[in-house]
Amino acid sequence: MGRGDQRTKRGKIGRGTSGKTRPNPKQKKKAKTAKKAAKSAEGA
């Protein structure tokens, strides 16, 4: 386990990817704002 392991945080950093082990904060914000927009559209 280390740089080559895709499931570890170190491996994600080495590959430059994100996922469940190393989530991307930008994607979280988009998901939250999309949910809020959907709720406000339903209520209006």
C-alpha atoms as a PDB file:
ATOM      1  CA  MET A   1       0.000   0.000   0.000  1.00  0.00           C
ATOM      2  CA  GLY A   2       1.337   3.364  -0.959  1.00  0.00           C
ATOM      3  CA  ARG A   3       1.620   5.434  -4.073  1.00  0.00           C
ATOM      4  CA  GLY A   4       0.366   2.756  -6.441  1.00  0.00           C
ATOM      5  CA  ASP A   5      -2.636   1.722  -4.345  1.00  0.00           C
ATOM      6  CA  GLN A   6      -5.793   3.308  -5.746  1.00  0.00           C
ATOM      7  CA  ARG A   7      -7.779   2.867  -2.526  1.00  0.00           C
ATOM      8  CA  THR A   8      -5.478   4.850  -0.243  1.00  0.00           C
ATOM      9  CA  LYS A   9      -5.296   8.598   0.153  1.00  0.00           C
ATOM     10  CA  ARG A  10      -1.610   8.549  -0.802  1.00  0.00           C
ATOM     11  CA  GLY A  11      -2.408   6.589  -3.964  1.00  0.00           C
ATOM     12  CA  LYS A  12      -5.126   9.072  -4.919  1.00  0.00           C
ATOM     13  CA  ILE A  13      -2.701  11.962  -4.435  1.00  0.00           C
ATOM     14  CA  GLY A  14      -0.088  10.154  -6.537  1.00  0.00           C
ATOM     15  CA  ARG A  15      -2.528   9.608  -9.394  1.00  0.00           C
ATOM     16  CA  GLY A  16      -4.123  13.032  -9.060  1.00  0.00           C
ATOM     17  CA  THR A  17      -7.618  11.616  -8.724  1.00  0.00           C
ATOM     18  CA  SER A  18     -10.376  11.892  -6.173  1.00  0.00           C
ATOM     19  CA  GLY A  19     -13.053   9.531  -4.942  1.00  0.00           C
ATOM     20  CA  LYS A  20     -14.537   8.149  -1.755  1.00  0.00           C
ATOM     21  CA  THR A  21     -11.150   8.025  -0.001  1.00  0.00           C
ATOM     22  CA  ARG A  22     -10.160  11.533  -1.086  1.00  0.00           C
ATOM     23  CA  PRO A  23     -13.297  13.503  -1.988  1.00  0.00           C
ATOM     24  CA  ASN A  24     -13.163  16.622  -4.110  1.00  0.00           C
ATOM     25  CA  PRO A  25     -14.630  19.589  -2.167  1.00  0.00           C
ATOM     26  CA  LYS A  26     -15.733  21.350  -5.377  1.00  0.00           C
ATOM     27  CA  GLN A  27     -18.063  18.475  -6.262  1.00  0.00           C
ATOM     28  CA  LYS A  28     -19.649  18.496  -2.808  1.00  0.00           C
ATOM     29  CA  LYS A  29     -20.623  22.152  -3.123  1.00  0.00           C
ATOM     30  CA  LYS A  30     -22.233  21.591  -6.529  1.00  0.00           C
ATOM     31  CA  ALA A  31     -24.291  18.688  -5.193  1.00  0.00           C
ATOM     32  CA  LYS A  32     -25.540  20.726  -2.242  1.00  0.00           C
ATOM     33  CA  THR A  33     -26.521  23.724  -4.369  1.00  0.00           C
ATOM     34  CA  ALA A  34     -28.287  21.453  -6.861  1.00  0.00           C
ATOM     35  CA  LYS A  35     -30.358  19.939  -4.048  1.00  0.00           C
ATOM     36  CA  LYS A  36     -31.264  23.381  -2.720  1.00  0.00           C
ATOM     37  CA  ALA A  37     -32.293  24.560  -6.182  1.00  0.00           C
ATOM     38  CA  ALA A  38     -34.490  21.480  -6.653  1.00  0.00           C
ATOM     39  CA  LYS A  39     -36.203  22.033  -3.290  1.00  0.00           C
ATOM     40  CA  SER A  40     -36.881  25.699  -4.007  1.00  0.00           C
ATOM     41  CA  ALA A  41     -38.324  24.827  -7.431  1.00  0.00           C
ATOM     42  CA  GLU A  42     -40.715  22.312  -5.854  1.00  0.00           C
ATOM     43  CA  GLY A  43     -41.908  24.776  -3.226  1.00  0.00           C
ATOM     44  CA  ALA A  44     -42.512  27.632  -5.654  1.00  0.00           C
END
